[in-house]
Amino acid sequence: MAVVFGPGQLIKPVWFDWRNRKHAILETTYIWSDLKGSARRLHFSVRGEGALYELTYDTTDQTWELSALEGT
C-alpha cells in the first residue's frame, strides 16, 4: 500500500498490491469513516483500471484492508 499523508489530516491512497500485482488508484470517488469497537476506520472508494475497490484504513493499528471489489 502506498499512501500520501498530509497536509493536515489528508490521506490519499496511491496504489496497492493485491494478488502479486500493483493496482494504481486512478481516482478516489468517496471517503467516509465509521467505528469498529473503539477503532476509527476510514473507508476509501477508489477506481482502478477496470474496477472499483473499497480500501479500509484502521487508524488504531494502522492497517489496510481490501474490503470490497466490483469488476475486474
PDB file of N, CA and C in Angstrom:
ATOM      1  N   MET A   1       0.853  -1.159   0.000  1.00  0.00           N
ATOM      2  CA  MET A   1       0.000   0.000   0.000  1.00  0.00           C
ATOM      3  C   MET A   1       0.899   1.222   0.000  1.00  0.00           C
ATOM      4  N   ALA A   2       0.665   2.109  -0.944  1.00  0.00           N
ATOM      5  CA  ALA A   2       1.374   3.384  -0.975  1.00  0.00           C
ATOM      6  C   ALA A   2       0.361   4.496  -0.746  1.00  0.00           C
ATOM      7  N   VAL A   3       0.677   5.356   0.203  1.00  0.00           N
ATOM      8  CA  VAL A   3      -0.248   6.394   0.629  1.00  0.00           C
ATOM      9  C   VAL A   3       0.518   7.688   0.835  1.00  0.00           C
ATOM     10  N   VAL A   4      -0.129   8.813   0.520  1.00  0.00           N
ATOM     11  CA  VAL A   4       0.425  10.124   0.827  1.00  0.00           C
ATOM     12  C   VAL A   4      -0.349  10.670   2.024  1.00  0.00           C
ATOM     13  N   PHE A   5       0.373  11.018   3.098  1.00  0.00           N
ATOM     14  CA  PHE A   5      -0.230  11.604   4.284  1.00  0.00           C
ATOM     15  C   PHE A   5       0.095  13.089   4.323  1.00  0.00           C
ATOM     16  N   GLY A   6      -0.923  13.939   4.535  1.00  0.00           N
ATOM     17  CA  GLY A   6      -0.713  15.367   4.747  1.00  0.00           C
ATOM     18  C   GLY A   6      -0.986  16.187   3.514  1.00  0.00           C
ATOM     19  N   PRO A   7      -1.089  17.470   3.629  1.00  0.00           N
ATOM     20  CA  PRO A   7      -1.044  18.219   4.887  1.00  0.00           C
ATOM     21  C   PRO A   7      -2.324  18.032   5.702  1.00  0.00           C
ATOM     22  N   GLY A   8      -2.241  18.387   6.962  1.00  0.00           N
ATOM     23  CA  GLY A   8      -3.394  18.219   7.841  1.00  0.00           C
ATOM     24  C   GLY A   8      -3.738  16.759   8.000  1.00  0.00           C
ATOM     25  N   GLN A   9      -5.000  16.434   7.844  1.00  0.00           N
ATOM     26  CA  GLN A   9      -5.460  15.052   8.012  1.00  0.00           C
ATOM     27  C   GLN A   9      -5.698  14.361   6.679  1.00  0.00           C
ATOM     28  N   LEU A  10      -5.193  14.921   5.603  1.00  0.00           N
ATOM     29  CA  LEU A  10      -5.377  14.343   4.279  1.00  0.00           C
ATOM     30  C   LEU A  10      -4.655  12.998   4.172  1.00  0.00           C
ATOM     31  N   ILE A  11      -5.375  11.990   3.687  1.00  0.00           N
ATOM     32  CA  ILE A  11      -4.799  10.682   3.391  1.00  0.00           C
ATOM     33  C   ILE A  11      -5.210  10.352   1.968  1.00  0.00           C
ATOM     34  N   LYS A  12      -4.227  10.093   1.102  1.00  0.00           N
ATOM     35  CA  LYS A  12      -4.518   9.822  -0.304  1.00  0.00           C
ATOM     36  C   LYS A  12      -3.871   8.503  -0.714  1.00  0.00           C
ATOM     37  N   PRO A  13      -4.676   7.447  -0.886  1.00  0.00           N
ATOM     38  CA  PRO A  13      -4.122   6.193  -1.399  1.00  0.00           C
ATOM     39  C   PRO A  13      -3.631   6.374  -2.838  1.00  0.00           C
ATOM     40  N   VAL A  14      -2.474   5.809  -3.168  1.00  0.00           N
ATOM     41  CA  VAL A  14      -1.875   5.964  -4.486  1.00  0.00           C
ATOM     42  C   VAL A  14      -1.896   4.641  -5.259  1.00  0.00           C
ATOM     43  N   TRP A  15      -1.504   3.554  -4.614  1.00  0.00           N
ATOM     44  CA  TRP A  15      -1.557   2.225  -5.212  1.00  0.00           C
ATOM     45  C   TRP A  15      -1.551   1.188  -4.099  1.00  0.00           C
ATOM     46  N   PHE A  16      -1.947  -0.043  -4.458  1.00  0.00           N
ATOM     47  CA  PHE A  16      -1.886  -1.146  -3.502  1.00  0.00           C
ATOM     48  C   PHE A  16      -1.519  -2.422  -4.243  1.00  0.00           C
ATOM     49  N   ASP A  17      -0.972  -3.354  -3.512  1.00  0.00           N
ATOM     50  CA  ASP A  17      -0.578  -4.649  -4.064  1.00  0.00           C
ATOM     51  C   ASP A  17      -1.645  -5.666  -3.686  1.00  0.00           C
ATOM     52  N   TRP A  18      -2.172  -6.364  -4.693  1.00  0.00           N
ATOM     53  CA  TRP A  18      -3.163  -7.396  -4.455  1.00  0.00           C
ATOM     54  C   TRP A  18      -2.958  -8.496  -5.473  1.00  0.00           C
ATOM     55  N   ARG A  19      -2.884  -9.721  -4.996  1.00  0.00           N
ATOM     56  CA  ARG A  19      -2.630 -10.898  -5.838  1.00  0.00           C
ATOM     57  C   ARG A  19      -1.351 -10.731  -6.662  1.00  0.00           C
ATOM     58  N   ASN A  20      -0.317 -10.262  -5.984  1.00  0.00           N
ATOM     59  CA  ASN A  20       1.007 -10.077  -6.587  1.00  0.00           C
ATOM     60  C   ASN A  20       1.002  -9.116  -7.774  1.00  0.00           C
ATOM     61  N   ARG A  21       0.108  -8.147  -7.734  1.00  0.00           N
ATOM     62  CA  ARG A  21       0.036  -7.162  -8.802  1.00  0.00           C
ATOM     63  C   ARG A  21      -0.187  -5.773  -8.207  1.00  0.00           C
ATOM     64  N   LYS A  22       0.498  -4.801  -8.741  1.00  0.00           N
ATOM     65  CA  LYS A  22       0.351  -3.415  -8.301  1.00  0.00           C
ATOM     66  C   LYS A  22      -0.869  -2.811  -8.992  1.00  0.00           C
ATOM     67  N   HIS A  23      -1.792  -2.276  -8.195  1.00  0.00           N
ATOM     68  CA  HIS A  23      -3.009  -1.659  -8.705  1.00  0.00           C
ATOM     69  C   HIS A  23      -2.944  -0.157  -8.457  1.00  0.00           C
ATOM     70  N   ALA A  24      -2.810   0.611  -9.526  1.00  0.00           N
ATOM     71  CA  ALA A  24      -2.765   2.070  -9.408  1.00  0.00           C
ATOM     72  C   ALA A  24      -4.172   2.602  -9.154  1.00  0.00           C
ATOM     73  N   ILE A  25      -4.267   3.572  -8.274  1.00  0.00           N
ATOM     74  CA  ILE A  25      -5.542   4.219  -7.987  1.00  0.00           C
ATOM     75  C   ILE A  25      -5.650   5.436  -8.888  1.00  0.00           C
ATOM     76  N   LEU A  26      -6.643   5.413  -9.754  1.00  0.00           N
ATOM     77  CA  LEU A  26      -6.837   6.496 -10.704  1.00  0.00           C
ATOM     78  C   LEU A  26      -7.659   7.637 -10.121  1.00  0.00           C
ATOM     79  N   GLU A  27      -8.561   7.295  -9.185  1.00  0.00           N
ATOM     80  CA  GLU A  27      -9.445   8.311  -8.617  1.00  0.00           C
ATOM     81  C   GLU A  27     -10.016   7.818  -7.295  1.00  0.00           C
ATOM     82  N   THR A  28     -10.108   8.709  -6.329  1.00  0.00           N
ATOM     83  CA  THR A  28     -10.840   8.429  -5.096  1.00  0.00           C
ATOM     84  C   THR A  28     -12.219   9.031  -5.272  1.00  0.00           C
ATOM     85  N   THR A  29     -13.249   8.188  -5.222  1.00  0.00           N
ATOM     86  CA  THR A  29     -14.601   8.663  -5.507  1.00  0.00           C
ATOM     87  C   THR A  29     -15.384   9.039  -4.255  1.00  0.00           C
ATOM     88  N   TYR A  30     -15.035   8.465  -3.110  1.00  0.00           N
ATOM     89  CA  TYR A  30     -15.780   8.753  -1.884  1.00  0.00           C
ATOM     90  C   TYR A  30     -14.962   8.328  -0.682  1.00  0.00           C
ATOM     91  N   ILE A  31     -15.071   9.091   0.408  1.00  0.00           N
ATOM     92  CA  ILE A  31     -14.380   8.779   1.669  1.00  0.00           C
ATOM     93  C   ILE A  31     -15.399   8.904   2.800  1.00  0.00           C
ATOM     94  N   TRP A  32     -15.412   7.926   3.724  1.00  0.00           N
ATOM     95  CA  TRP A  32     -16.259   8.009   4.901  1.00  0.00           C
ATOM     96  C   TRP A  32     -15.574   7.287   6.046  1.00  0.00           C
ATOM     97  N   SER A  33     -16.098   7.469   7.244  1.00  0.00           N
ATOM     98  CA  SER A  33     -15.499   6.815   8.411  1.00  0.00           C
ATOM     99  C   SER A  33     -16.584   6.138   9.231  1.00  0.00           C
ATOM    100  N   ASP A  34     -16.152   5.180  10.054  1.00  0.00           N
ATOM    101  CA  ASP A  34     -17.032   4.517  10.997  1.00  0.00           C
ATOM    102  C   ASP A  34     -16.211   4.061  12.190  1.00  0.00           C
ATOM    103  N   LEU A  35     -16.883   3.452  13.136  1.00  0.00           N
ATOM    104  CA  LEU A  35     -16.215   2.885  14.300  1.00  0.00           C
ATOM    105  C   LEU A  35     -16.436   1.385  14.320  1.00  0.00           C
ATOM    106  N   LYS A  36     -15.381   0.660  14.624  1.00  0.00           N
ATOM    107  CA  LYS A  36     -15.474  -0.780  14.867  1.00  0.00           C
ATOM    108  C   LYS A  36     -14.954  -0.972  16.276  1.00  0.00           C
ATOM    109  N   GLY A  37     -15.887  -1.117  17.222  1.00  0.00           N
ATOM    110  CA  GLY A  37     -15.489  -1.070  18.630  1.00  0.00           C
ATOM    111  C   GLY A  37     -15.044   0.350  18.931  1.00  0.00           C
ATOM    112  N   SER A  38     -13.822   0.490  19.440  1.00  0.00           N
ATOM    113  CA  SER A  38     -13.289   1.826  19.708  1.00  0.00           C
ATOM    114  C   SER A  38     -12.358   2.315  18.594  1.00  0.00           C
ATOM    115  N   ALA A  39     -12.181   1.494  17.563  1.00  0.00           N
ATOM    116  CA  ALA A  39     -11.256   1.845  16.475  1.00  0.00           C
ATOM    117  C   ALA A  39     -11.978   2.661  15.398  1.00  0.00           C
ATOM    118  N   ARG A  40     -11.413   3.791  15.053  1.00  0.00           N
ATOM    119  CA  ARG A  40     -11.933   4.593  13.944  1.00  0.00           C
ATOM    120  C   ARG A  40     -11.351   4.043  12.651  1.00  0.00           C
ATOM    121  N   ARG A  41     -12.233   3.800  11.680  1.00  0.00           N
ATOM    122  CA  ARG A  41     -11.797   3.294  10.382  1.00  0.00           C
ATOM    123  C   ARG A  41     -12.177   4.299   9.301  1.00  0.00           C
ATOM    124  N   LEU A  42     -11.287   4.464   8.345  1.00  0.00           N
ATOM    125  CA  LEU A  42     -11.536   5.320   7.195  1.00  0.00           C
ATOM    126  C   LEU A  42     -11.727   4.433   5.982  1.00  0.00           C
ATOM    127  N   HIS A  43     -12.772   4.679   5.228  1.00  0.00           N
ATOM    128  CA  HIS A  43     -13.087   3.895   4.033  1.00  0.00           C
ATOM    129  C   HIS A  43     -12.864   4.769   2.802  1.00  0.00           C
ATOM    130  N   PHE A  44     -12.217   4.201   1.808  1.00  0.00           N
ATOM    131  CA  PHE A  44     -11.929   4.905   0.566  1.00  0.00           C
ATOM    132  C   PHE A  44     -12.516   4.094  -0.582  1.00  0.00           C
ATOM    133  N   SER A  45     -13.451   4.692  -1.299  1.00  0.00           N
ATOM    134  CA  SER A  45     -13.954   4.090  -2.526  1.00  0.00           C
ATOM    135  C   SER A  45     -13.071   4.628  -3.642  1.00  0.00           C
ATOM    136  N   VAL A  46     -12.360   3.725  -4.316  1.00  0.00           N
ATOM    137  CA  VAL A  46     -11.385   4.161  -5.319  1.00  0.00           C
ATOM    138  C   VAL A  46     -11.611   3.423  -6.638  1.00  0.00           C
ATOM    139  N   ARG A  47     -11.186   4.061  -7.708  1.00  0.00           N
ATOM    140  CA  ARG A  47     -11.296   3.481  -9.042  1.00  0.00           C
ATOM    141  C   ARG A  47      -9.908   3.156  -9.546  1.00  0.00           C
ATOM    142  N   GLY A  48      -9.743   1.924 -10.010  1.00  0.00           N
ATOM    143  CA  GLY A  48      -8.506   1.496 -10.656  1.00  0.00           C
ATOM    144  C   GLY A  48      -8.824   1.137 -12.092  1.00  0.00           C
ATOM    145  N   GLU A  49      -7.910   0.495 -12.752  1.00  0.00           N
ATOM    146  CA  GLU A  49      -8.124   0.096 -14.137  1.00  0.00           C
ATOM    147  C   GLU A  49      -9.187  -0.998 -14.204  1.00  0.00           C
ATOM    148  N   GLY A  50     -10.383  -0.654 -14.632  1.00  0.00           N
ATOM    149  CA  GLY A  50     -11.442  -1.631 -14.844  1.00  0.00           C
ATOM    150  C   GLY A  50     -12.153  -2.120 -13.605  1.00  0.00           C
ATOM    151  N   ALA A  51     -11.933  -1.524 -12.445  1.00  0.00           N
ATOM    152  CA  ALA A  51     -12.588  -1.998 -11.228  1.00  0.00           C
ATOM    153  C   ALA A  51     -12.747  -0.877 -10.217  1.00  0.00           C
ATOM    154  N   LEU A  52     -13.708  -1.086  -9.321  1.00  0.00           N
ATOM    155  CA  LEU A  52     -13.887  -0.213  -8.163  1.00  0.00           C
ATOM    156  C   LEU A  52     -13.507  -1.015  -6.928  1.00  0.00           C
ATOM    157  N   TYR A  53     -12.818  -0.363  -5.990  1.00  0.00           N
ATOM    158  CA  TYR A  53     -12.355  -1.026  -4.782  1.00  0.00           C
ATOM    159  C   TYR A  53     -12.781  -0.211  -3.564  1.00  0.00           C
ATOM    160  N   GLU A  54     -12.980  -0.896  -2.461  1.00  0.00           N
ATOM    161  CA  GLU A  54     -13.132  -0.222  -1.184  1.00  0.00           C
ATOM    162  C   GLU A  54     -11.935  -0.611  -0.321  1.00  0.00           C
ATOM    163  N   LEU A  55     -11.153   0.379   0.048  1.00  0.00           N
ATOM    164  CA  LEU A  55      -9.997   0.172   0.914  1.00  0.00           C
ATOM    165  C   LEU A  55     -10.330   0.742   2.284  1.00  0.00           C
ATOM    166  N   THR A  56      -9.993   0.004   3.331  1.00  0.00           N
ATOM    167  CA  THR A  56     -10.297   0.444   4.691  1.00  0.00           C
ATOM    168  C   THR A  56      -9.004   0.569   5.490  1.00  0.00           C
ATOM    169  N   TYR A  57      -8.857   1.728   6.143  1.00  0.00           N
ATOM    170  CA  TYR A  57      -7.680   2.010   6.978  1.00  0.00           C
ATOM    171  C   TYR A  57      -8.125   2.047   8.430  1.00  0.00           C
ATOM    172  N   ASP A  58      -7.553   1.182   9.252  1.00  0.00           N
ATOM    173  CA  ASP A  58      -7.822   1.166  10.687  1.00  0.00           C
ATOM    174  C   ASP A  58      -6.828   2.104  11.354  1.00  0.00           C
ATOM    175  N   THR A  59      -7.319   3.205  11.903  1.00  0.00           N
ATOM    176  CA  THR A  59      -6.412   4.215  12.468  1.00  0.00           C
ATOM    177  C   THR A  59      -5.787   3.765  13.786  1.00  0.00           C
ATOM    178  N   THR A  60      -6.363   2.763  14.443  1.00  0.00           N
ATOM    179  CA  THR A  60      -5.802   2.289  15.709  1.00  0.00           C
ATOM    180  C   THR A  60      -4.546   1.459  15.490  1.00  0.00           C
ATOM    181  N   ASP A  61      -4.647   0.435  14.637  1.00  0.00           N
ATOM    182  CA  ASP A  61      -3.466  -0.405  14.409  1.00  0.00           C
ATOM    183  C   ASP A  61      -2.756  -0.089  13.087  1.00  0.00           C
ATOM    184  N   GLN A  62      -3.239   0.938  12.382  1.00  0.00           N
ATOM    185  CA  GLN A  62      -2.615   1.436  11.151  1.00  0.00           C
ATOM    186  C   GLN A  62      -2.446   0.342  10.095  1.00  0.00           C
ATOM    187  N   THR A  63      -3.521  -0.423   9.884  1.00  0.00           N
ATOM    188  CA  THR A  63      -3.514  -1.463   8.869  1.00  0.00           C
ATOM    189  C   THR A  63      -4.532  -1.137   7.784  1.00  0.00           C
ATOM    190  N   TRP A  64      -4.278  -1.669   6.589  1.00  0.00           N
ATOM    191  CA  TRP A  64      -5.174  -1.503   5.451  1.00  0.00           C
ATOM    192  C   TRP A  64      -5.804  -2.838   5.097  1.00  0.00           C
ATOM    193  N   GLU A  65      -7.020  -2.774   4.552  1.00  0.00           N
ATOM    194  CA  GLU A  65      -7.739  -3.971   4.123  1.00  0.00           C
ATOM    195  C   GLU A  65      -8.479  -3.657   2.822  1.00  0.00           C
ATOM    196  N   LEU A  66      -8.465  -4.606   1.905  1.00  0.00           N
ATOM    197  CA  LEU A  66      -9.313  -4.516   0.725  1.00  0.00           C
ATOM    198  C   LEU A  66     -10.665  -5.061   1.147  1.00  0.00           C
ATOM    199  N   SER A  67     -11.650  -4.169   1.308  1.00  0.00           N
ATOM    200  CA  SER A  67     -12.940  -4.549   1.871  1.00  0.00           C
ATOM    201  C   SER A  67     -13.959  -4.981   0.841  1.00  0.00           C
ATOM    202  N   ALA A  68     -13.854  -4.442  -0.371  1.00  0.00           N
ATOM    203  CA  ALA A  68     -14.820  -4.785  -1.407  1.00  0.00           C
ATOM    204  C   ALA A  68     -14.192  -4.578  -2.786  1.00  0.00           C
ATOM    205  N   LEU A  69     -14.743  -5.303  -3.749  1.00  0.00           N
ATOM    206  CA  LEU A  69     -14.262  -5.232  -5.136  1.00  0.00           C
ATOM    207  C   LEU A  69     -15.471  -5.352  -6.045  1.00  0.00           C
ATOM    208  N   GLU A  70     -15.522  -4.479  -7.052  1.00  0.00           N
ATOM    209  CA  GLU A  70     -16.577  -4.557  -8.054  1.00  0.00           C
ATOM    210  C   GLU A  70     -15.928  -4.473  -9.427  1.00  0.00           C
ATOM    211  N   GLY A  71     -16.104  -5.482 -10.233  1.00  0.00           N
ATOM    212  CA  GLY A  71     -15.463  -5.553 -11.550  1.00  0.00           C
ATOM    213  C   GLY A  71     -14.107  -6.212 -11.444  1.00  0.00           C
ATOM    214  N   THR A  72     -13.443  -6.384 -12.583  1.00  0.00           N
ATOM    215  CA  THR A  72     -12.095  -6.941 -12.569  1.00  0.00           C
ATOM    216  C   THR A  72     -11.285  -6.422 -13.718  1.00  0.00           C
TER     217      THR A  72
END
